[in-house]
Amino acid sequence: MAKSNRETMKKDEIQVLTILEQHAKESIDYIAKKCGFSRQKVWKIIKNLEEKKIIWGYTAITDETLRNLKHYVLLVKRNTVPFDASFKKEIVFERLDNYQPGASKIEDIFFTHGDFDGVVTFYAPDLISAKKMVQEISRRIGKYFKEYRLLTTLFPIRKKGLKNPQIKELIEYM
């Protein structure tokens, strides 16, 4: 395949991804119209992106306060103990989900580079439940980490790249 053809394909994929990020629930016809592509081209691009695992899935962005859940961010700092195979499996195969107390729900887990080595975002009904979640995480994987910082999210300005539709009402809290 010629270099310019690959560049064009990459540009088309990026264009489709950009539209999908904002309008994932829309029809293929809608996305095709927004991109200026045929329906078939968009369908092929999306299937190709799914096969290459560039698109991991589709999700609804919800206001968890309707479920009486608050959002928390946990920052973790590593110590010098190297990860063993069982820990890697625990993280990779989502075994962390097996010990979420009560209604708590893990949203994201990131390994990072900087002042902290990991970020876990999750939902819990209240601060006590969030602290229990941190305690349980520390109990299970604490031999690899030396510091934990729990933050309470007041409100999102953006989630998954989308502006909070209630931001005008929340702006007074900034």
N, C-alpha and C. Protein backbone atom coordinates (compact mmCIF):
# COMPACT_ATOMS: atom_id res chain seq x y z
N MET A 1 0.85 -1.18 0.00
CA MET A 1 0.00 0.00 0.00
C MET A 1 0.89 1.24 0.00
N ALA A 2 0.57 2.21 -0.82
CA ALA A 2 1.34 3.44 -0.93
C ALA A 2 1.22 4.26 0.34
N LYS A 3 2.29 5.01 0.63
CA LYS A 3 2.33 5.83 1.84
C LYS A 3 1.17 6.82 1.89
N SER A 4 0.88 7.48 0.79
CA SER A 4 -0.20 8.47 0.77
C SER A 4 -1.55 7.81 1.03
N ASN A 5 -1.73 6.57 0.55
CA ASN A 5 -2.97 5.85 0.80
C ASN A 5 -3.12 5.53 2.29
N ARG A 6 -2.02 5.10 2.93
CA ARG A 6 -2.05 4.83 4.37
C ARG A 6 -2.32 6.10 5.15
N GLU A 7 -1.72 7.19 4.73
CA GLU A 7 -1.95 8.48 5.40
C GLU A 7 -3.40 8.91 5.28
N THR A 8 -3.99 8.70 4.10
CA THR A 8 -5.40 9.03 3.88
C THR A 8 -6.29 8.17 4.77
N MET A 9 -5.99 6.86 4.85
CA MET A 9 -6.77 5.96 5.70
C MET A 9 -6.69 6.39 7.16
N LYS A 10 -5.50 6.72 7.62
CA LYS A 10 -5.32 7.17 9.01
C LYS A 10 -6.11 8.44 9.27
N LYS A 11 -6.05 9.38 8.32
CA LYS A 11 -6.79 10.64 8.44
C LYS A 11 -8.30 10.36 8.50
N ASP A 12 -8.79 9.45 7.66
CA ASP A 12 -10.21 9.09 7.66
C ASP A 12 -10.62 8.43 8.98
N GLU A 13 -9.74 7.54 9.50
CA GLU A 13 -10.02 6.90 10.78
C GLU A 13 -10.12 7.93 11.90
N ILE A 14 -9.20 8.87 11.90
CA ILE A 14 -9.21 9.92 12.93
C ILE A 14 -10.47 10.76 12.83
N GLN A 15 -10.90 11.04 11.62
CA GLN A 15 -12.12 11.83 11.42
C GLN A 15 -13.33 11.08 11.97
N VAL A 16 -13.43 9.78 11.69
CA VAL A 16 -14.54 8.97 12.20
C VAL A 16 -14.47 8.89 13.73
N LEU A 17 -13.27 8.66 14.28
CA LEU A 17 -13.12 8.61 15.74
C LEU A 17 -13.56 9.91 16.40
N THR A 18 -13.19 11.01 15.81
CA THR A 18 -13.55 12.32 16.36
C THR A 18 -15.07 12.48 16.44
N ILE A 19 -15.76 12.08 15.39
CA ILE A 19 -17.23 12.16 15.38
C ILE A 19 -17.82 11.17 16.39
N LEU A 20 -17.28 9.95 16.43
CA LEU A 20 -17.78 8.94 17.37
C LEU A 20 -17.64 9.38 18.82
N GLU A 21 -16.55 10.06 19.14
CA GLU A 21 -16.33 10.50 20.52
C GLU A 21 -17.45 11.43 20.99
N GLN A 22 -18.01 12.19 20.11
CA GLN A 22 -19.06 13.13 20.47
C GLN A 22 -20.47 12.61 20.19
N HIS A 23 -20.58 11.64 19.26
CA HIS A 23 -21.89 11.20 18.79
C HIS A 23 -21.97 9.68 18.64
N ALA A 24 -21.49 8.94 19.63
CA ALA A 24 -21.40 7.47 19.52
C ALA A 24 -22.76 6.80 19.34
N LYS A 25 -23.81 7.39 19.84
CA LYS A 25 -25.12 6.74 19.72
C LYS A 25 -25.83 7.05 18.40
N GLU A 26 -25.24 7.91 17.61
CA GLU A 26 -25.86 8.25 16.33
C GLU A 26 -25.70 7.12 15.32
N SER A 27 -26.50 7.17 14.30
CA SER A 27 -26.48 6.13 13.26
C SER A 27 -25.24 6.25 12.38
N ILE A 28 -24.94 5.17 11.68
CA ILE A 28 -23.83 5.17 10.72
C ILE A 28 -24.09 6.25 9.66
N ASP A 29 -25.34 6.39 9.24
CA ASP A 29 -25.68 7.41 8.23
C ASP A 29 -25.34 8.82 8.74
N TYR A 30 -25.65 9.09 10.00
CA TYR A 30 -25.35 10.40 10.58
C TYR A 30 -23.84 10.65 10.59
N ILE A 31 -23.09 9.64 11.05
CA ILE A 31 -21.63 9.77 11.12
C ILE A 31 -21.04 9.95 9.72
N ALA A 32 -21.56 9.18 8.77
CA ALA A 32 -21.09 9.30 7.38
C ALA A 32 -21.33 10.71 6.85
N LYS A 33 -22.50 11.25 7.12
CA LYS A 33 -22.84 12.60 6.66
C LYS A 33 -21.90 13.63 7.30
N LYS A 34 -21.64 13.50 8.60
CA LYS A 34 -20.75 14.45 9.30
C LYS A 34 -19.32 14.38 8.75
N CYS A 35 -18.90 13.18 8.33
CA CYS A 35 -17.53 12.99 7.81
C CYS A 35 -17.45 13.28 6.31
N GLY A 36 -18.58 13.25 5.63
CA GLY A 36 -18.57 13.38 4.17
C GLY A 36 -18.18 12.09 3.48
N PHE A 37 -18.41 10.94 4.14
CA PHE A 37 -18.08 9.63 3.60
C PHE A 37 -19.35 8.86 3.29
N SER A 38 -19.19 7.76 2.55
CA SER A 38 -20.33 6.88 2.33
C SER A 38 -20.59 6.07 3.60
N ARG A 39 -21.81 5.56 3.70
CA ARG A 39 -22.19 4.72 4.83
C ARG A 39 -21.29 3.49 4.91
N GLN A 40 -21.02 2.87 3.77
CA GLN A 40 -20.19 1.66 3.72
C GLN A 40 -18.77 1.94 4.20
N LYS A 41 -18.21 3.08 3.80
CA LYS A 41 -16.86 3.44 4.21
C LYS A 41 -16.79 3.60 5.72
N VAL A 42 -17.76 4.29 6.30
CA VAL A 42 -17.78 4.50 7.75
C VAL A 42 -17.93 3.17 8.47
N TRP A 43 -18.82 2.31 7.98
CA TRP A 43 -19.02 1.00 8.60
C TRP A 43 -17.72 0.20 8.58
N LYS A 44 -17.01 0.21 7.46
CA LYS A 44 -15.74 -0.53 7.35
C LYS A 44 -14.68 0.06 8.28
N ILE A 45 -14.62 1.38 8.35
CA ILE A 45 -13.65 2.03 9.24
C ILE A 45 -13.93 1.65 10.69
N ILE A 46 -15.19 1.71 11.10
CA ILE A 46 -15.55 1.37 12.49
C ILE A 46 -15.22 -0.09 12.79
N LYS A 47 -15.57 -0.99 11.90
CA LYS A 47 -15.26 -2.41 12.11
C LYS A 47 -13.75 -2.63 12.20
N ASN A 48 -12.99 -1.97 11.35
CA ASN A 48 -11.53 -2.08 11.38
C ASN A 48 -10.97 -1.55 12.70
N LEU A 49 -11.49 -0.42 13.18
CA LEU A 49 -11.04 0.16 14.44
C LEU A 49 -11.38 -0.75 15.62
N GLU A 50 -12.54 -1.39 15.57
CA GLU A 50 -12.92 -2.34 16.62
C GLU A 50 -12.00 -3.57 16.60
N GLU A 51 -11.70 -4.08 15.42
CA GLU A 51 -10.82 -5.25 15.29
C GLU A 51 -9.40 -4.94 15.78
N LYS A 52 -8.93 -3.72 15.53
CA LYS A 52 -7.59 -3.32 15.96
C LYS A 52 -7.58 -2.89 17.43
N LYS A 53 -8.74 -2.96 18.09
CA LYS A 53 -8.89 -2.58 19.51
C LYS A 53 -8.57 -1.11 19.76
N ILE A 54 -8.78 -0.30 18.75
CA ILE A 54 -8.65 1.15 18.93
C ILE A 54 -9.94 1.67 19.57
N ILE A 55 -11.06 1.09 19.18
CA ILE A 55 -12.33 1.34 19.86
C ILE A 55 -12.52 0.17 20.81
N TRP A 56 -12.58 0.48 22.12
CA TRP A 56 -12.71 -0.57 23.13
C TRP A 56 -14.15 -0.90 23.43
N GLY A 57 -15.04 0.00 23.17
CA GLY A 57 -16.43 -0.22 23.49
C GLY A 57 -17.18 1.09 23.43
N TYR A 58 -18.43 1.02 23.74
CA TYR A 58 -19.28 2.20 23.72
C TYR A 58 -19.92 2.32 25.09
N THR A 59 -20.08 3.54 25.57
CA THR A 59 -20.61 3.73 26.91
C THR A 59 -21.50 4.96 26.97
N ALA A 60 -22.37 4.95 27.93
CA ALA A 60 -23.17 6.14 28.21
C ALA A 60 -22.47 6.93 29.30
N ILE A 61 -22.47 8.22 29.19
CA ILE A 61 -21.92 9.08 30.24
C ILE A 61 -23.10 9.49 31.10
N THR A 62 -23.04 9.08 32.36
CA THR A 62 -24.19 9.29 33.24
C THR A 62 -23.84 10.19 34.40
N ASP A 63 -24.86 10.74 35.00
CA ASP A 63 -24.72 11.52 36.22
C ASP A 63 -24.95 10.54 37.38
N GLU A 64 -23.87 10.10 38.01
CA GLU A 64 -23.96 9.08 39.05
C GLU A 64 -24.67 9.58 40.31
N THR A 65 -24.89 10.89 40.42
CA THR A 65 -25.61 11.38 41.59
C THR A 65 -27.05 10.86 41.60
N LEU A 66 -27.57 10.49 40.44
CA LEU A 66 -28.91 9.91 40.39
C LEU A 66 -28.95 8.57 41.11
N ARG A 67 -27.80 7.89 41.22
CA ARG A 67 -27.70 6.62 41.95
C ARG A 67 -27.13 6.85 43.35
N ASN A 68 -27.10 8.11 43.78
CA ASN A 68 -26.55 8.49 45.08
C ASN A 68 -25.09 8.06 45.23
N LEU A 69 -24.31 8.22 44.18
CA LEU A 69 -22.88 7.89 44.22
C LEU A 69 -22.06 9.16 44.04
N LYS A 70 -20.97 9.22 44.76
CA LYS A 70 -20.03 10.34 44.64
C LYS A 70 -18.77 9.82 43.95
N HIS A 71 -18.06 10.71 43.29
CA HIS A 71 -16.87 10.34 42.53
C HIS A 71 -15.62 10.63 43.35
N TYR A 72 -14.68 9.68 43.32
CA TYR A 72 -13.43 9.81 44.06
C TYR A 72 -12.25 9.48 43.15
N VAL A 73 -11.11 10.08 43.49
CA VAL A 73 -9.86 9.82 42.79
C VAL A 73 -8.85 9.37 43.84
N LEU A 74 -8.23 8.23 43.59
CA LEU A 74 -7.20 7.72 44.49
C LEU A 74 -5.87 7.78 43.77
N LEU A 75 -4.92 8.50 44.37
CA LEU A 75 -3.55 8.57 43.84
C LEU A 75 -2.70 7.61 44.65
N VAL A 76 -1.90 6.79 43.98
CA VAL A 76 -1.05 5.83 44.69
C VAL A 76 0.39 5.99 44.26
N LYS A 77 1.29 5.87 45.26
CA LYS A 77 2.72 5.97 45.00
C LYS A 77 3.35 4.61 45.31
N ARG A 78 4.16 4.13 44.37
CA ARG A 78 4.82 2.83 44.52
C ARG A 78 5.96 2.89 45.51
N ASN A 79 6.28 1.71 46.03
CA ASN A 79 7.53 1.56 46.76
C ASN A 79 8.49 0.83 45.82
N THR A 80 9.52 0.20 46.34
CA THR A 80 10.53 -0.41 45.46
C THR A 80 10.30 -1.90 45.23
N VAL A 81 9.23 -2.47 45.79
CA VAL A 81 8.96 -3.89 45.59
C VAL A 81 8.49 -4.12 44.16
N PRO A 82 9.17 -4.98 43.39
CA PRO A 82 8.74 -5.22 41.99
C PRO A 82 7.41 -5.99 41.96
N PHE A 83 6.61 -5.70 40.96
CA PHE A 83 5.35 -6.41 40.78
C PHE A 83 5.63 -7.88 40.49
N ASP A 84 4.90 -8.77 41.15
CA ASP A 84 5.03 -10.19 40.81
C ASP A 84 3.90 -10.57 39.84
N ALA A 85 3.96 -11.79 39.32
CA ALA A 85 3.00 -12.24 38.30
C ALA A 85 1.57 -12.22 38.82
N SER A 86 1.36 -12.57 40.09
CA SER A 86 -0.02 -12.60 40.62
C SER A 86 -0.62 -11.20 40.69
N PHE A 87 0.22 -10.21 41.05
CA PHE A 87 -0.29 -8.84 41.09
C PHE A 87 -0.66 -8.36 39.69
N LYS A 88 0.19 -8.65 38.72
CA LYS A 88 -0.11 -8.24 37.34
C LYS A 88 -1.42 -8.85 36.87
N LYS A 89 -1.66 -10.11 37.20
CA LYS A 89 -2.93 -10.75 36.83
C LYS A 89 -4.09 -10.09 37.54
N GLU A 90 -3.88 -9.72 38.80
CA GLU A 90 -4.93 -9.08 39.58
C GLU A 90 -5.38 -7.78 38.92
N ILE A 91 -4.44 -7.00 38.45
CA ILE A 91 -4.77 -5.74 37.78
C ILE A 91 -5.34 -5.99 36.39
N VAL A 92 -4.65 -6.79 35.61
CA VAL A 92 -5.04 -7.00 34.21
C VAL A 92 -6.38 -7.72 34.08
N PHE A 93 -6.62 -8.72 34.92
CA PHE A 93 -7.85 -9.50 34.79
C PHE A 93 -8.97 -9.01 35.69
N GLU A 94 -8.84 -7.75 36.13
CA GLU A 94 -9.91 -7.04 36.83
C GLU A 94 -10.33 -7.67 38.14
N ARG A 95 -9.42 -8.34 38.81
CA ARG A 95 -9.78 -8.91 40.10
C ARG A 95 -10.00 -7.83 41.15
N LEU A 96 -9.52 -6.62 40.89
CA LEU A 96 -9.82 -5.52 41.81
C LEU A 96 -11.33 -5.35 41.95
N ASP A 97 -12.06 -5.63 40.88
CA ASP A 97 -13.51 -5.48 40.92
C ASP A 97 -14.16 -6.43 41.92
N ASN A 98 -13.49 -7.52 42.26
CA ASN A 98 -14.06 -8.50 43.17
C ASN A 98 -14.09 -8.05 44.62
N TYR A 99 -13.38 -7.00 44.96
CA TYR A 99 -13.41 -6.57 46.35
C TYR A 99 -13.76 -5.09 46.50
N GLN A 100 -14.77 -4.71 45.79
CA GLN A 100 -15.30 -3.37 45.94
C GLN A 100 -16.40 -3.44 47.00
N PRO A 101 -16.22 -2.79 48.13
CA PRO A 101 -17.23 -2.88 49.18
C PRO A 101 -18.53 -2.18 48.80
N GLY A 102 -19.64 -2.81 49.16
CA GLY A 102 -20.95 -2.22 48.97
C GLY A 102 -21.23 -1.80 47.55
N ALA A 103 -21.72 -0.58 47.41
CA ALA A 103 -22.12 -0.07 46.10
C ALA A 103 -20.97 0.61 45.37
N SER A 104 -19.75 0.52 45.90
CA SER A 104 -18.60 1.16 45.26
C SER A 104 -18.33 0.51 43.91
N LYS A 105 -17.83 1.35 42.98
CA LYS A 105 -17.64 0.88 41.61
C LYS A 105 -16.41 1.55 41.01
N ILE A 106 -15.42 0.74 40.61
CA ILE A 106 -14.22 1.30 39.98
C ILE A 106 -14.57 1.78 38.58
N GLU A 107 -14.11 2.98 38.26
CA GLU A 107 -14.33 3.56 36.94
C GLU A 107 -13.09 3.34 36.06
N ASP A 108 -11.93 3.84 36.49
CA ASP A 108 -10.71 3.77 35.69
C ASP A 108 -9.52 3.41 36.58
N ILE A 109 -8.55 2.76 35.98
CA ILE A 109 -7.27 2.49 36.63
C ILE A 109 -6.18 2.86 35.62
N PHE A 110 -5.27 3.73 36.05
CA PHE A 110 -4.18 4.17 35.19
C PHE A 110 -2.85 3.96 35.90
N PHE A 111 -1.84 3.49 35.18
CA PHE A 111 -0.47 3.57 35.65
C PHE A 111 0.08 4.87 35.08
N THR A 112 0.77 5.63 35.91
CA THR A 112 1.23 6.95 35.50
C THR A 112 2.71 7.13 35.81
N HIS A 113 3.26 8.19 35.29
CA HIS A 113 4.64 8.56 35.58
C HIS A 113 4.61 9.99 36.09
N GLY A 114 5.18 10.22 37.25
CA GLY A 114 5.17 11.56 37.83
C GLY A 114 5.24 11.45 39.33
N ASP A 115 4.59 12.37 40.04
CA ASP A 115 4.60 12.34 41.49
C ASP A 115 3.93 11.10 42.05
N PHE A 116 2.94 10.59 41.34
CA PHE A 116 2.26 9.36 41.74
C PHE A 116 2.33 8.37 40.59
N ASP A 117 2.26 7.09 40.95
CA ASP A 117 2.47 6.02 39.97
C ASP A 117 1.17 5.39 39.47
N GLY A 118 0.08 5.73 40.09
CA GLY A 118 -1.19 5.17 39.66
C GLY A 118 -2.35 6.06 40.07
N VAL A 119 -3.42 5.94 39.31
CA VAL A 119 -4.65 6.66 39.58
C VAL A 119 -5.80 5.67 39.45
N VAL A 120 -6.65 5.65 40.47
CA VAL A 120 -7.86 4.84 40.42
C VAL A 120 -9.01 5.81 40.63
N THR A 121 -9.95 5.83 39.71
CA THR A 121 -11.15 6.65 39.91
C THR A 121 -12.30 5.69 40.17
N PHE A 122 -13.17 6.07 41.10
CA PHE A 122 -14.27 5.18 41.45
C PHE A 122 -15.44 5.96 42.03
N TYR A 123 -16.56 5.29 42.13
CA TYR A 123 -17.77 5.85 42.72
C TYR A 123 -18.07 5.10 44.01
N ALA A 124 -18.54 5.84 45.01
CA ALA A 124 -18.96 5.25 46.28
C ALA A 124 -20.10 6.10 46.83
N PRO A 125 -20.93 5.50 47.68
CA PRO A 125 -22.08 6.26 48.21
C PRO A 125 -21.69 7.42 49.11
N ASP A 126 -20.55 7.31 49.81
CA ASP A 126 -20.15 8.36 50.75
C ASP A 126 -18.66 8.22 51.05
N LEU A 127 -18.14 9.17 51.82
CA LEU A 127 -16.72 9.20 52.14
C LEU A 127 -16.29 7.97 52.95
N ILE A 128 -17.11 7.52 53.85
CA ILE A 128 -16.77 6.33 54.65
C ILE A 128 -16.61 5.12 53.74
N SER A 129 -17.53 4.94 52.79
CA SER A 129 -17.42 3.83 51.84
C SER A 129 -16.17 3.98 50.98
N ALA A 130 -15.86 5.22 50.59
CA ALA A 130 -14.66 5.47 49.77
C ALA A 130 -13.40 5.10 50.55
N LYS A 131 -13.37 5.46 51.83
CA LYS A 131 -12.21 5.13 52.66
C LYS A 131 -12.11 3.62 52.86
N LYS A 132 -13.23 2.94 52.97
CA LYS A 132 -13.22 1.47 53.07
C LYS A 132 -12.67 0.86 51.78
N MET A 133 -13.02 1.46 50.66
CA MET A 133 -12.50 1.00 49.37
C MET A 133 -10.98 1.13 49.34
N VAL A 134 -10.45 2.28 49.79
CA VAL A 134 -9.01 2.50 49.82
C VAL A 134 -8.35 1.50 50.77
N GLN A 135 -8.98 1.27 51.92
CA GLN A 135 -8.46 0.30 52.89
C GLN A 135 -8.37 -1.09 52.27
N GLU A 136 -9.41 -1.47 51.55
CA GLU A 136 -9.44 -2.81 50.94
C GLU A 136 -8.40 -2.92 49.83
N ILE A 137 -8.27 -1.88 49.03
CA ILE A 137 -7.24 -1.87 47.98
C ILE A 137 -5.86 -1.97 48.64
N SER A 138 -5.65 -1.19 49.68
CA SER A 138 -4.37 -1.21 50.39
C SER A 138 -4.09 -2.59 50.98
N ARG A 139 -5.09 -3.22 51.54
CA ARG A 139 -4.93 -4.55 52.12
C ARG A 139 -4.52 -5.57 51.06
N ARG A 140 -5.14 -5.46 49.89
CA ARG A 140 -4.88 -6.45 48.84
C ARG A 140 -3.59 -6.21 48.07
N ILE A 141 -3.25 -4.97 47.82
CA ILE A 141 -2.07 -4.69 46.98
C ILE A 141 -1.06 -3.78 47.66
N GLY A 142 -1.21 -3.59 48.95
CA GLY A 142 -0.40 -2.63 49.70
C GLY A 142 1.08 -2.89 49.72
N LYS A 143 1.50 -4.13 49.50
CA LYS A 143 2.94 -4.38 49.56
C LYS A 143 3.71 -3.70 48.43
N TYR A 144 2.98 -3.24 47.40
CA TYR A 144 3.62 -2.58 46.25
C TYR A 144 3.54 -1.06 46.32
N PHE A 145 2.75 -0.55 47.26
CA PHE A 145 2.51 0.89 47.31
C PHE A 145 2.75 1.42 48.72
N LYS A 146 3.25 2.66 48.80
CA LYS A 146 3.58 3.22 50.11
C LYS A 146 2.73 4.44 50.48
N GLU A 147 2.05 5.02 49.52
CA GLU A 147 1.28 6.23 49.83
C GLU A 147 -0.02 6.24 49.03
N TYR A 148 -1.07 6.69 49.69
CA TYR A 148 -2.39 6.79 49.08
C TYR A 148 -2.95 8.17 49.38
N ARG A 149 -3.52 8.81 48.37
CA ARG A 149 -4.18 10.10 48.55
C ARG A 149 -5.57 10.01 47.95
N LEU A 150 -6.56 10.28 48.75
CA LEU A 150 -7.95 10.21 48.30
C LEU A 150 -8.48 11.61 48.08
N LEU A 151 -9.02 11.84 46.90
CA LEU A 151 -9.63 13.12 46.56
C LEU A 151 -11.12 12.90 46.28
N THR A 152 -11.92 13.85 46.69
CA THR A 152 -13.35 13.82 46.37
C THR A 152 -13.59 14.76 45.21
N THR A 153 -14.24 14.27 44.17
CA THR A 153 -14.57 15.12 43.03
C THR A 153 -15.80 15.94 43.40
N LEU A 154 -15.72 17.25 43.23
CA LEU A 154 -16.88 18.09 43.52
C LEU A 154 -17.91 18.00 42.39
N PHE A 155 -17.45 18.19 41.16
CA PHE A 155 -18.30 18.00 39.99
C PHE A 155 -17.43 17.97 38.75
N PRO A 156 -17.88 17.26 37.72
CA PRO A 156 -17.09 17.23 36.48
C PRO A 156 -17.39 18.43 35.60
N ILE A 157 -16.35 18.98 35.04
CA ILE A 157 -16.52 20.00 34.00
C ILE A 157 -16.65 19.29 32.66
N ARG A 158 -15.83 18.24 32.48
CA ARG A 158 -15.88 17.38 31.30
C ARG A 158 -15.76 15.93 31.74
N LYS A 159 -16.47 15.06 31.04
CA LYS A 159 -16.33 13.61 31.21
C LYS A 159 -16.23 13.02 29.83
N LYS A 160 -15.22 12.19 29.61
CA LYS A 160 -15.00 11.55 28.31
C LYS A 160 -14.97 12.57 27.19
N GLY A 161 -14.48 13.78 27.49
CA GLY A 161 -14.35 14.82 26.48
C GLY A 161 -15.59 15.66 26.27
N LEU A 162 -16.68 15.32 26.93
CA LEU A 162 -17.93 16.06 26.75
C LEU A 162 -18.16 17.02 27.92
N LYS A 163 -18.61 18.21 27.61
CA LYS A 163 -18.91 19.19 28.65
C LYS A 163 -20.12 18.73 29.45
N ASN A 164 -20.06 18.97 30.74
CA ASN A 164 -21.19 18.67 31.62
C ASN A 164 -22.39 19.52 31.19
N PRO A 165 -23.52 18.90 30.90
CA PRO A 165 -24.68 19.69 30.46
C PRO A 165 -25.25 20.57 31.57
N GLN A 166 -24.84 20.35 32.82
CA GLN A 166 -25.33 21.16 33.94
C GLN A 166 -24.32 22.20 34.40
N ILE A 167 -23.28 22.43 33.61
CA ILE A 167 -22.17 23.28 34.03
C ILE A 167 -22.62 24.71 34.35
N LYS A 168 -23.62 25.21 33.65
CA LYS A 168 -24.07 26.58 33.92
C LYS A 168 -24.62 26.72 35.33
N GLU A 169 -25.27 25.68 35.83
CA GLU A 169 -25.80 25.70 37.20
C GLU A 169 -24.68 25.51 38.22
N LEU A 170 -23.59 24.83 37.83
CA LEU A 170 -22.52 24.51 38.76
C LEU A 170 -21.41 25.55 38.80
N ILE A 171 -21.41 26.48 37.85
CA ILE A 171 -20.31 27.43 37.71
C ILE A 171 -20.13 28.30 38.96
N GLU A 172 -21.18 28.52 39.71
CA GLU A 172 -21.08 29.34 40.90
C GLU A 172 -20.21 28.69 41.99
N TYR A 173 -19.99 27.38 41.89
CA TYR A 173 -19.17 26.67 42.88
C TYR A 173 -17.69 26.71 42.54
N MET A 174 -17.35 27.30 41.41
CA MET A 174 -15.94 27.34 41.01
C MET A 174 -15.23 28.51 41.67
